[in-house]
Protein backbone atom coordinates (compact mmCIF):
# COMPACT_ATOMS: atom_id res chain seq x y z
CA UNK A 1 87.49 97.38 104.09
CA UNK A 2 88.61 96.33 100.60
CA UNK A 3 86.21 94.65 98.25
CA UNK A 4 87.50 91.68 96.32
CA UNK A 5 87.92 91.74 92.58
CA UNK A 6 86.28 89.44 90.06
CA UNK A 7 89.66 88.99 88.32
CA UNK A 8 90.85 85.35 88.43
CA UNK A 9 93.52 84.87 91.07
CA UNK A 10 96.78 83.10 90.26
CA UNK A 11 99.21 81.31 92.52
CA UNK A 12 102.66 79.86 91.98
CA UNK A 13 102.80 76.09 92.15
CA UNK A 14 105.94 74.12 91.27
CA UNK A 15 107.27 77.11 89.39
CA UNK A 16 104.17 77.44 87.18
CA UNK A 17 101.29 79.87 87.20
CA UNK A 18 98.07 78.13 88.18
CA UNK A 19 94.76 79.86 87.49
CA UNK A 20 92.06 79.16 90.06
CA UNK A 21 88.76 78.60 88.29
CA UNK A 22 85.62 79.27 90.27
CA UNK A 23 82.77 77.95 88.09
CA UNK A 24 84.18 75.05 86.05
CA UNK A 25 81.84 72.45 87.57
CA UNK A 26 78.85 73.99 85.84
CA UNK A 27 75.58 75.47 87.07
CA UNK A 28 73.30 73.90 84.43
CA UNK A 29 70.81 71.11 85.06
CA UNK A 30 72.91 68.34 83.53
CA UNK A 31 76.04 69.32 85.51
CA UNK A 32 74.04 69.41 88.72
CA UNK A 33 72.52 66.00 88.03
CA UNK A 34 76.00 64.61 87.44
CA UNK A 35 77.24 66.11 90.69
CA UNK A 36 74.31 64.84 92.74
CA UNK A 37 74.54 61.31 91.34
CA UNK A 38 78.31 61.30 91.77
CA UNK A 39 78.08 62.08 95.47
CA UNK A 40 75.15 59.71 95.96
CA UNK A 41 77.12 56.82 94.49
CA UNK A 42 80.76 57.53 95.33
CA UNK A 43 80.58 59.61 98.54
CA UNK A 44 77.56 57.92 100.16
CA UNK A 45 77.84 54.54 98.37
CA UNK A 46 74.14 54.51 97.50
CA UNK A 47 72.32 53.59 94.32
CA UNK A 48 69.39 55.94 93.63
CA UNK A 49 66.89 53.10 93.21
CA UNK A 50 67.76 51.71 96.67
CA UNK A 51 67.57 54.95 98.66
CA UNK A 52 64.77 54.75 101.24
CA UNK A 53 64.85 58.23 102.87
CA UNK A 54 65.30 61.86 101.87
CA UNK A 55 68.52 62.19 103.91
CA UNK A 56 70.91 60.58 101.41
CA UNK A 57 69.74 62.56 98.35
CA UNK A 58 69.71 65.71 100.50
CA UNK A 59 73.35 65.13 101.48
CA UNK A 60 74.28 64.42 97.85
CA UNK A 61 72.58 67.67 96.78
CA UNK A 62 74.26 69.62 99.59
CA UNK A 63 77.68 68.28 98.59
CA UNK A 64 77.10 69.09 94.92
CA UNK A 65 76.16 72.69 95.84
CA UNK A 66 79.07 72.87 98.29
CA UNK A 67 81.49 71.77 95.55
CA UNK A 68 80.48 74.81 93.52
CA UNK A 69 80.81 77.08 96.54
CA UNK A 70 84.26 75.64 97.30
CA UNK A 71 85.55 76.67 93.88
CA UNK A 72 84.55 80.26 94.58
CA UNK A 73 85.67 79.93 98.20
CA UNK A 74 89.23 78.99 97.24
CA UNK A 75 89.35 81.76 94.68
CA UNK A 76 88.06 84.29 97.23
CA UNK A 77 90.60 83.36 99.89
CA UNK A 78 93.47 83.35 97.42
CA UNK A 79 92.45 86.78 96.15
CA UNK A 80 92.39 88.13 99.71
CA UNK A 81 96.03 87.12 100.12
CA UNK A 82 97.04 88.37 96.70
CA UNK A 83 95.43 91.77 97.26
CA UNK A 84 96.64 92.03 100.90
CA UNK A 85 93.21 93.19 102.01
CA UNK A 86 92.13 94.31 105.44
CA UNK A 87 90.01 91.58 107.03
CA UNK A 88 87.16 91.94 109.47
CA UNK A 89 86.61 89.25 112.10
CA UNK A 90 83.15 88.96 113.63
CA UNK A 91 83.21 87.26 117.04
CA UNK A 92 79.89 85.95 118.29
CA UNK A 93 78.99 83.20 120.74
CA UNK A 94 75.76 82.71 118.81
CA UNK A 95 74.95 82.09 115.14
CA UNK A 96 71.33 81.30 114.42
CA UNK A 97 72.17 80.09 110.91
CA UNK A 98 69.05 78.08 110.26
CA UNK A 99 69.02 75.76 107.27
CA UNK A 100 71.83 76.28 104.81
CA UNK A 101 70.52 74.66 101.62
CA UNK A 102 67.79 77.14 100.70
CA UNK A 103 69.89 80.19 101.48
CA UNK A 104 72.81 78.83 99.45
CA UNK A 105 70.60 78.09 96.46
CA UNK A 106 69.18 81.62 96.54
CA UNK A 107 72.57 83.32 96.84
CA UNK A 108 74.20 81.07 94.24
CA UNK A 109 71.16 81.50 91.96
CA UNK A 110 70.73 77.73 91.74
CA UNK A 111 67.17 77.35 92.99
CA UNK A 112 65.43 76.72 89.66
CA UNK A 113 68.21 74.59 88.17
CA UNK A 114 68.43 72.38 91.26
CA UNK A 115 64.67 71.95 91.35
CA UNK A 116 64.69 70.81 87.71
CA UNK A 117 67.68 68.52 88.20
CA UNK A 118 66.11 66.85 91.22
CA UNK A 119 62.75 66.45 89.48
CA UNK A 120 64.43 64.68 86.59
CA UNK A 121 66.11 62.38 89.11
CA UNK A 122 62.77 61.61 90.77
CA UNK A 123 63.05 63.90 93.80
CA UNK A 124 61.39 67.15 94.84
CA UNK A 125 63.47 70.00 96.18
CA UNK A 126 61.00 70.89 98.94
CA UNK A 127 61.10 67.33 100.28
CA UNK A 128 64.90 67.35 100.48
CA UNK A 129 64.99 70.77 102.11
CA UNK A 130 62.88 69.37 104.93
CA UNK A 131 65.53 66.71 105.60
CA UNK A 132 68.06 69.32 106.75
CA UNK A 133 68.47 69.91 110.47
CA UNK A 134 68.20 73.51 111.60
CA UNK A 135 71.52 74.83 112.93
CA UNK A 136 70.03 76.54 115.99
CA UNK A 137 73.30 77.83 117.42
CA UNK A 138 71.71 80.97 118.79
CA UNK A 139 69.06 82.22 121.18
CA UNK A 140 67.22 84.79 119.06
CA UNK A 141 68.05 88.26 117.80
CA UNK A 142 71.74 88.18 118.71
CA UNK A 143 72.41 84.97 116.78
CA UNK A 144 70.16 85.82 113.86
CA UNK A 145 71.85 89.21 113.51
CA UNK A 146 75.24 87.48 113.38
CA UNK A 147 74.05 85.15 110.62
CA UNK A 148 72.62 88.06 108.62
CA UNK A 149 75.85 90.03 109.01
CA UNK A 150 77.83 87.16 107.47
CA UNK A 151 75.41 87.00 104.54
CA UNK A 152 75.55 90.76 103.99
CA UNK A 153 79.33 91.03 104.24
CA UNK A 154 79.73 88.30 101.62
CA UNK A 155 77.16 89.99 99.38
CA UNK A 156 79.00 93.33 99.70
CA UNK A 157 82.35 91.67 98.99
CA UNK A 158 83.93 92.47 102.36
CA UNK A 159 86.84 90.19 103.35
CA UNK A 160 85.26 88.82 106.51
CA UNK A 161 85.25 85.81 108.81
CA UNK A 162 82.78 84.74 111.46
CA UNK A 163 84.06 82.95 114.57
CA UNK A 164 82.09 81.04 117.19
CA UNK A 165 81.58 77.64 118.84
CA UNK A 166 80.36 74.43 117.24
CA UNK A 167 77.88 73.35 119.91
CA UNK A 168 76.90 69.69 119.87
CA UNK A 169 73.39 70.73 120.90
CA UNK A 170 71.64 73.92 119.83
CA UNK A 171 69.09 75.99 121.71
CA UNK A 172 66.40 73.24 121.85
CA UNK A 173 64.22 71.04 119.67
CA UNK A 174 60.51 71.75 120.00
CA UNK A 175 57.91 69.04 120.22
CA UNK A 176 54.19 69.38 120.83
CA UNK A 177 52.92 66.79 123.31
CA UNK A 178 49.24 66.82 124.30
CA UNK A 179 48.92 70.37 122.99
CA UNK A 180 51.86 71.73 124.99
CA UNK A 181 55.42 72.66 123.98
CA UNK A 182 58.10 70.29 125.21
CA UNK A 183 61.77 71.24 124.86
CA UNK A 184 64.26 68.44 124.18
CA UNK A 185 67.95 68.42 123.27
CA UNK A 186 68.63 69.66 119.74
CA UNK A 187 71.06 67.08 118.37
CA UNK A 188 71.57 68.88 115.07
CA UNK A 189 74.85 67.03 114.40
CA UNK A 190 73.31 63.59 114.93
CA UNK A 191 73.72 62.63 111.26
CA UNK A 192 76.61 64.93 110.46
CA UNK A 193 76.77 68.30 108.71
CA UNK A 194 77.52 68.12 104.97
CA UNK A 195 78.23 71.86 104.69
CA UNK A 196 81.25 72.02 106.97
CA UNK A 197 84.91 71.22 106.36
CA UNK A 198 86.76 69.76 109.36
CA UNK A 199 90.26 71.27 109.55
CA UNK A 200 91.68 68.70 111.95
CA UNK A 201 95.27 69.63 111.15
CA UNK A 202 94.82 73.32 112.03
CA UNK A 203 93.88 73.02 115.70
CA UNK A 204 95.16 75.23 118.52
CA UNK A 205 95.88 74.65 122.21
CA UNK A 206 93.97 76.72 124.77
CA UNK A 207 95.23 77.00 128.35
CA UNK A 208 93.12 77.10 131.52
CA UNK A 209 93.84 77.51 135.24
CA UNK A 210 97.14 77.05 136.99
CA UNK A 211 99.38 79.73 138.47
CA UNK A 212 101.35 82.64 137.02
CA UNK A 213 105.11 82.37 137.43
CA UNK A 214 107.76 84.70 136.10
CA UNK A 215 111.10 83.93 134.54
CA UNK A 216 113.78 85.95 132.78
CA UNK A 217 114.42 85.28 129.11
CA UNK A 218 117.73 85.57 127.22
CA UNK A 219 117.17 89.30 126.65
CA UNK A 220 116.71 89.94 130.36
CA UNK A 221 112.97 90.45 130.01
CA UNK A 222 110.65 89.19 132.75
CA UNK A 223 108.14 86.85 131.14
CA UNK A 224 104.94 85.62 132.86
CA UNK A 225 104.33 81.91 132.34
CA UNK A 226 101.56 79.57 133.37
CA UNK A 227 102.24 76.46 135.43
CA UNK A 228 100.01 73.56 136.45
CA UNK A 229 97.68 74.47 133.62
CA UNK A 230 95.13 72.41 131.74
CA UNK A 231 95.04 72.42 127.93
CA UNK A 232 92.16 71.83 125.55
CA UNK A 233 92.50 71.46 121.78
CA UNK A 234 90.40 73.66 119.48
CA UNK A 235 89.89 72.08 116.03
CA UNK A 236 88.15 74.36 113.50
CA UNK A 237 85.14 73.52 111.33
CA UNK A 238 84.62 75.83 108.35
CA UNK A 239 81.38 76.58 106.54
CA UNK A 240 81.37 78.57 103.28
CA UNK A 241 79.17 81.68 103.26
CA UNK A 242 78.23 82.71 99.70
CA UNK A 243 77.24 86.24 98.78
CA UNK A 244 74.18 86.99 96.67
CA UNK A 245 74.90 87.28 92.93
CA UNK A 246 78.61 87.58 93.58
CA UNK A 247 81.51 85.17 93.41
CA UNK A 248 82.61 86.05 96.93
CA UNK A 249 82.41 83.15 99.40
CA UNK A 250 83.53 83.95 102.95
CA UNK A 251 84.06 81.72 105.98
CA UNK A 252 82.26 80.88 109.21
CA UNK A 253 84.78 79.10 111.45
CA UNK A 254 83.34 77.29 114.49
CA UNK A 255 85.59 75.73 117.10
CA UNK A 256 85.14 72.25 118.47
CA UNK A 257 86.76 71.08 121.73
CA UNK A 258 88.98 68.02 122.09
CA UNK A 259 91.02 66.70 124.99
CA UNK A 260 94.82 66.66 124.79
CA UNK A 261 94.75 63.24 126.42
CA UNK A 262 91.63 61.41 125.30
CA UNK A 263 92.10 58.15 127.19
CA UNK A 264 94.00 57.15 130.34
CA UNK A 265 95.02 53.55 129.77
CA UNK A 266 96.46 53.13 133.29
CA UNK A 267 93.16 54.07 134.93
CA UNK A 268 91.27 51.82 132.55
CA UNK A 269 93.53 48.86 133.30
CA UNK A 270 93.04 49.46 137.03
CA UNK A 271 89.28 49.20 136.54
CA UNK A 272 88.43 52.89 136.71
CA UNK A 273 86.56 52.95 133.41
CA UNK A 274 84.82 56.26 134.11
CA UNK A 275 88.02 57.95 135.25
CA UNK A 276 89.77 56.77 132.08
CA UNK A 277 87.63 59.10 129.95
CA UNK A 278 86.91 61.81 132.55
CA UNK A 279 89.49 64.27 131.20
CA UNK A 280 88.10 63.88 127.71
CA UNK A 281 84.55 64.51 128.86
CA UNK A 282 85.60 67.55 130.89
CA UNK A 283 87.36 69.10 127.89
CA UNK A 284 84.67 68.34 125.33
CA UNK A 285 81.90 69.69 127.57
CA UNK A 286 83.04 73.17 126.52
CA UNK A 287 81.22 72.77 123.20
CA UNK A 288 78.49 70.46 124.39
CA UNK A 289 75.53 72.82 124.66
CA UNK A 290 74.51 76.40 123.91
CA UNK A 291 73.88 78.38 127.11
CA UNK A 292 74.50 75.96 129.98
CA UNK A 293 72.44 76.72 133.06
CA UNK A 294 74.29 79.20 135.28
CA UNK A 295 72.18 78.57 138.39
CA UNK A 296 75.04 76.52 139.83
CA UNK A 297 78.76 77.29 140.00
CA UNK A 298 79.54 74.50 137.51
CA UNK A 299 77.29 76.19 134.95
CA UNK A 300 79.00 79.56 135.48
CA UNK A 301 82.41 77.93 135.11
CA UNK A 302 81.39 76.23 131.89
CA UNK A 303 79.97 79.43 130.43
CA UNK A 304 83.13 81.40 131.23
CA UNK A 305 85.23 78.55 129.80
CA UNK A 306 83.20 78.71 126.57
CA UNK A 307 83.73 82.45 126.26
CA UNK A 308 87.48 82.24 126.78
CA UNK A 309 88.01 79.07 124.75
CA UNK A 310 86.55 80.49 121.58
CA UNK A 311 88.31 83.87 121.75
CA UNK A 312 91.67 82.28 122.63
CA UNK A 313 91.55 79.97 119.62
CA UNK A 314 90.31 82.83 117.44
CA UNK A 315 93.08 85.25 118.42
CA UNK A 316 95.68 82.56 117.65
CA UNK A 317 94.09 81.99 114.25
CA UNK A 318 93.88 85.70 113.43
CA UNK A 319 97.55 86.21 114.30
CA UNK A 320 98.51 83.12 112.27
CA UNK A 321 96.75 84.53 109.21
CA UNK A 322 98.14 88.01 109.80
CA UNK A 323 101.71 86.70 110.07
CA UNK A 324 101.28 84.80 106.81
CA UNK A 325 100.52 88.04 104.97
CA UNK A 326 103.27 89.80 106.96
CA UNK A 327 105.87 87.41 105.54
CA UNK A 328 104.45 88.00 102.05
CA UNK A 329 104.25 91.80 102.12
CA UNK A 330 105.76 93.53 105.16
CA UNK A 331 108.85 91.52 106.03
CA UNK A 332 110.48 92.22 102.64
CA UNK A 333 110.01 95.94 103.38
CA UNK A 334 111.80 95.65 106.72
CA UNK A 335 108.69 96.38 108.82
CA UNK A 336 108.13 95.04 112.33
CA UNK A 337 105.81 92.07 112.68
CA UNK A 338 102.90 94.00 114.23
CA UNK A 339 103.51 97.41 112.65
CA UNK A 340 100.41 97.06 110.45
CA UNK A 341 98.23 94.80 112.58
CA UNK A 342 95.40 97.29 113.16
CA UNK A 343 95.64 98.36 109.49
CA UNK A 344 94.97 94.81 108.36
CA UNK A 345 92.79 93.41 111.17
CA UNK A 346 89.43 94.59 112.53
CA UNK A 347 87.73 92.56 115.27
CA UNK A 348 84.08 93.20 116.08
CA UNK A 349 82.69 91.91 119.39
CA UNK A 350 79.04 90.89 119.14
CA UNK A 351 77.95 91.81 122.68
CA UNK A 352 80.12 91.14 125.74
CA UNK A 353 80.52 87.36 125.34
CA UNK A 354 83.78 87.73 123.35
CA UNK A 355 85.13 90.61 125.51
CA UNK A 356 87.89 88.38 126.90
CA UNK A 357 89.49 88.70 123.46
CA UNK A 358 90.81 92.09 124.64
CA UNK A 359 93.00 90.79 127.51
CA UNK A 360 93.82 87.72 125.40
CA UNK A 361 95.26 89.86 122.60
CA UNK A 362 97.14 91.91 125.19
CA UNK A 363 98.54 88.73 126.79
CA UNK A 364 99.66 87.43 123.40
CA UNK A 365 101.29 90.67 122.29
CA UNK A 366 103.12 91.21 125.61
CA UNK A 367 103.90 87.72 126.94
CA UNK A 368 104.35 85.84 123.67
CA UNK A 369 105.41 88.46 121.12
CA UNK A 370 107.43 90.68 123.47
CA UNK A 371 105.74 94.04 122.84
CA UNK A 372 105.62 96.77 125.47
CA UNK A 373 102.37 97.46 127.29
CA UNK A 374 101.98 100.85 125.59
CA UNK A 375 102.45 99.45 122.10
CA UNK A 376 100.23 96.43 122.76
CA UNK A 377 97.43 98.63 124.13
CA UNK A 378 97.65 100.96 121.14
CA UNK A 379 97.27 98.02 118.75
CA UNK A 380 94.46 96.46 120.79
CA UNK A 381 92.29 99.57 121.05
CA UNK A 382 92.71 100.31 117.35
CA UNK A 383 91.67 96.76 116.47
CA UNK A 384 88.49 96.14 118.50
CA UNK A 385 84.96 97.40 118.07
CA UNK A 386 82.05 96.54 120.40
CA UNK A 387 78.35 96.11 119.62
CA UNK A 388 76.03 96.41 122.63
CA UNK A 389 72.63 94.70 122.48
CA UNK A 390 70.92 95.57 125.74
CA UNK A 391 70.10 98.60 127.88
CA UNK A 392 69.20 96.49 130.92
CA UNK A 393 72.01 96.70 133.51
CA UNK A 394 71.10 93.28 134.94
CA UNK A 395 71.70 91.71 131.51
CA UNK A 396 75.28 93.01 131.26
CA UNK A 397 77.75 90.26 132.08
CA UNK A 398 79.61 90.52 135.40
CA UNK A 399 81.95 87.67 136.28
CA UNK A 400 83.11 87.04 139.87
CA UNK A 401 86.77 88.00 140.27
CA UNK A 402 87.46 84.74 142.11
CA UNK A 403 86.13 82.68 139.22
CA UNK A 404 88.11 84.64 136.63
CA UNK A 405 91.27 84.40 138.75
CA UNK A 406 91.05 80.65 139.22
CA UNK A 407 90.37 79.94 135.54
CA UNK A 408 92.40 82.76 133.90
CA UNK A 409 94.93 84.09 136.43
CA UNK A 410 97.11 85.97 133.93
CA UNK A 411 94.10 87.58 132.30
CA UNK A 412 92.88 88.86 135.65
CA UNK A 413 96.27 90.53 136.17
CA UNK A 414 95.95 92.19 132.76
CA UNK A 415 92.37 93.31 133.48
CA UNK A 416 93.50 94.91 136.74
CA UNK A 417 96.31 96.70 134.93
CA UNK A 418 93.92 97.93 132.22
CA UNK A 419 91.59 99.21 134.93
CA UNK A 420 94.34 100.97 136.90
CA UNK A 421 95.63 102.80 133.85
CA UNK A 422 92.11 103.67 132.68
CA UNK A 423 91.06 105.11 136.05
CA UNK A 424 94.28 107.13 136.14
CA UNK A 425 93.24 108.71 132.83
CA UNK A 426 89.75 109.37 134.22
CA UNK A 427 91.33 111.05 137.23
CA UNK A 428 93.47 113.29 135.07
CA UNK A 429 90.38 114.37 133.14
CA UNK A 430 87.81 114.74 135.91
CA UNK A 431 89.86 114.95 139.10
CA UNK A 432 89.63 112.76 142.19
CA UNK A 433 85.96 111.82 141.98
CA UNK A 434 85.43 108.59 143.93
CA UNK A 435 81.83 108.21 142.77
CA UNK A 436 82.90 108.47 139.14
CA UNK A 437 85.75 106.01 139.73
CA UNK A 438 83.28 103.57 141.26
CA UNK A 439 80.85 103.91 138.35
CA UNK A 440 83.52 103.59 135.65
CA UNK A 441 85.76 100.93 137.17
CA UNK A 442 86.02 97.69 135.23
CA UNK A 443 86.09 95.96 138.63
CA UNK A 444 82.84 96.25 140.57
CA UNK A 445 83.77 96.73 144.20
CA UNK A 446 80.39 96.65 145.92
CA UNK A 447 79.70 93.27 147.51
CA UNK A 448 81.47 90.42 145.73
CA UNK A 449 84.10 91.82 143.37
CA UNK A 450 83.13 91.28 139.74
CA UNK A 451 84.57 92.03 136.31
CA UNK A 452 82.21 94.22 134.30
CA UNK A 453 82.54 92.84 130.79
CA UNK A 454 80.75 95.76 129.13
CA UNK A 455 83.18 98.20 130.74
CA UNK A 456 86.10 96.07 129.55
CA UNK A 457 84.69 96.05 126.01
CA UNK A 458 84.17 99.82 125.98
CA UNK A 459 87.59 100.67 127.39
CA UNK A 460 89.38 98.26 125.03
CA UNK A 461 87.61 99.31 121.83
CA UNK A 462 87.83 102.30 119.51
CA UNK A 463 84.16 102.03 118.50
CA UNK A 464 81.03 101.29 120.55
CA UNK A 465 77.66 101.00 118.84
CA UNK A 466 74.06 100.32 119.72
CA UNK A 467 71.71 98.54 117.35
CA UNK A 468 68.96 101.17 116.97
CA UNK A 469 68.90 104.96 117.20
CA UNK A 470 66.88 105.08 120.42
CA UNK A 471 68.93 102.26 121.89
CA UNK A 472 72.20 104.08 121.19
CA UNK A 473 70.80 107.28 122.68
CA UNK A 474 69.87 105.43 125.89
CA UNK A 475 73.40 104.04 126.06
CA UNK A 476 74.84 107.55 125.81
CA UNK A 477 72.33 109.21 128.13
CA UNK A 478 71.94 106.53 130.80
CA UNK A 479 73.61 103.11 130.70
CA UNK A 480 77.12 104.21 129.64
CA UNK A 481 76.82 107.93 130.26
CA UNK A 482 80.14 108.25 132.13
CA UNK A 483 82.02 106.47 129.34
CA UNK A 484 80.30 108.62 126.70
CA UNK A 485 81.30 111.79 128.54
CA UNK A 486 84.88 110.51 128.67
CA UNK A 487 85.21 109.39 125.01
CA UNK A 488 82.16 110.60 123.03
CA UNK A 489 83.95 109.93 119.73
CA UNK A 490 83.73 106.17 120.36
CA UNK A 491 79.94 105.98 120.39
CA UNK A 492 77.89 105.56 117.23
CA UNK A 493 74.76 103.84 116.00
CA UNK A 494 74.35 100.93 113.59
CA UNK A 495 70.68 100.19 113.08
CA UNK A 496 70.42 96.44 112.62
CA UNK A 497 68.02 94.46 110.50
CA UNK A 498 67.65 91.09 108.87
CA UNK A 499 68.64 90.13 105.36
CA UNK A 500 65.84 90.43 102.85
CA UNK A 501 67.32 87.59 100.83
CA UNK A 502 66.45 84.95 103.43
CA UNK A 503 63.36 86.55 104.94
CA UNK A 504 61.62 87.70 101.75
CA UNK A 505 63.27 86.46 98.55
CA UNK A 506 63.65 82.90 99.88
CA UNK A 507 60.83 82.71 102.41
CA UNK A 508 58.15 84.46 100.37
CA UNK A 509 58.92 84.00 96.65
CA UNK A 510 55.42 84.99 95.46
CA UNK A 511 55.50 88.34 97.27
CA UNK A 512 59.13 88.81 96.16
CA UNK A 513 58.07 88.35 92.51
CA UNK A 514 55.30 90.90 92.92
CA UNK A 515 57.70 93.46 94.39
CA UNK A 516 60.25 92.84 91.64
CA UNK A 517 57.59 93.32 88.95
CA UNK A 518 56.62 96.65 90.49
CA UNK A 519 59.98 98.05 91.64
CA UNK A 520 62.67 96.03 89.89
CA UNK A 521 65.11 93.58 91.46
CA UNK A 522 67.47 96.07 93.07
CA UNK A 523 65.71 95.78 96.45
CA UNK A 524 67.36 92.38 97.01
CA UNK A 525 70.64 94.15 97.81
CA UNK A 526 69.34 97.69 98.48
CA UNK A 527 66.23 97.90 100.66
CA UNK A 528 65.91 101.65 100.08
CA UNK A 529 64.57 100.78 96.64
CA UNK A 530 61.37 99.54 98.26
CA UNK A 531 60.42 103.22 98.47
CA UNK A 532 59.32 102.79 94.86
CA UNK A 533 56.28 100.93 96.24
CA UNK A 534 55.01 104.02 98.08
CA UNK A 535 53.10 105.42 95.05
CA UNK A 536 51.37 102.04 94.72
CA UNK A 537 49.95 102.12 98.25
CA UNK A 538 46.52 103.16 96.92
CA UNK A 539 46.69 101.22 93.67
CA UNK A 540 43.77 98.77 93.80
CA UNK A 541 45.29 96.27 91.41
CA UNK A 542 48.59 96.13 93.29
CA UNK A 543 46.79 95.93 96.63
CA UNK A 544 44.65 93.03 95.44
CA UNK A 545 47.73 91.16 94.18
CA UNK A 546 49.48 91.78 97.51
CA UNK A 547 46.52 90.40 99.48
CA UNK A 548 46.25 87.35 97.20
CA UNK A 549 49.90 86.53 97.75
CA UNK A 550 49.50 86.82 101.51
CA UNK A 551 46.36 84.68 101.52
CA UNK A 552 47.96 81.92 99.46
CA UNK A 553 50.89 81.89 101.87
CA UNK A 554 48.50 81.50 104.81
CA UNK A 555 46.70 78.64 103.09
CA UNK A 556 50.00 76.87 102.42
CA UNK A 557 50.94 77.31 106.08
């Protein structure tokens, strides 16, 4: 992947050269005060002396910080186009982002200046940070890892994008009632989200259900088409992701869900007030809640709809962006549209939830773009990578074939074709071994037929990784042994961790200062530099300072 340059990007506008500035708003105390007051008065229509809660000044602060990120954001995206970089797309159904303000201030190196600016305006930074709702769009390690990956990729200067769903309600909101935990709906968007940009004009249509029919186009090619289908609109919401001590700002794009037809006036006029908005409710339920209960069929259907909806919109967006650079760089050279797709696009699947992106890309390349199966499969397998997070077979997703067929009939056809061709390759390598075919088939045949999403992800990717050395070894030796024997070159390990910028520099500033005094500040971007603390393990003075920092943290808690 190509790192972006710090050189100012230029674009042509009305025949002139326009230089994109990325820091003109100012990072000093006076500039920040001006930005905060400007948003408080002209965006929120509030006078400081009449504000009664921390929410309004928090939003004004967030918008002032976001303004400074947007300058770098625009410059970053323009530079990516100008340099024709390869882009990595991280697909995850979970992003446990947490609160954005503190992390942004740390990465933008604005913490001290913002604290001073707010104090001079009569506010305290810690009070305003508490006003922010936690974006709990994840269930634990999977979602937190995704959030840390975005932070790290921006810090390293990788041209990267995160894609997921903008759930109306996160994992849950915890309350303590009579000494016991009570879980209630997490309405994190109740008051809005000042960090996101709604791109209402850039939405895509996603198709569900119906039947597959075939027609012949002008070139005599048989083209599968859907009929009697239902469409849902996918509007994107973008959040800037700043890197630490760098001017790179990448993008997290979350999809909302909107109905094509929001209101049926005829049904309303006939007195069916519920039916008039039923289609809207059915469509928008896709992004209503993280992890709907799958104890009932309706919950399973909604979960599968979520998984397909977000990858379908994402694949459309990736191809849109790729074609834009194609027209800039490849078309003038006489290259085919998708000749360099896998050179310029890398898609990483965070567990099996986005695995439907594989048949979706195949469907798009074959049915929409007119590529042959062989060429489409070559592009697809060179584009996707798959990260596995579990060694428990019961935790690997397996969707009933009937459910997939009713919701995504064309995709089921493609999955069957992928499986047939894959098993033919297995047969050529290992001979007619029915037990091996059964173990390696993407379609589980025992009992109710099911689609094994992990098998689909492995077969459709060029790279498969675990998240710890022992985990990866178990995948190779046990869980995916047959696949490892077939394509050992695919399997590799990527030991995962969490970003030290959020979980030490931001969360524990006193301990972070102590470490920096002893080992320098390089550990913030290179954890290996913490090895410099090893000689201090028996240093009494350093040990005492370490314990004092920990004790003061406990007292504050």
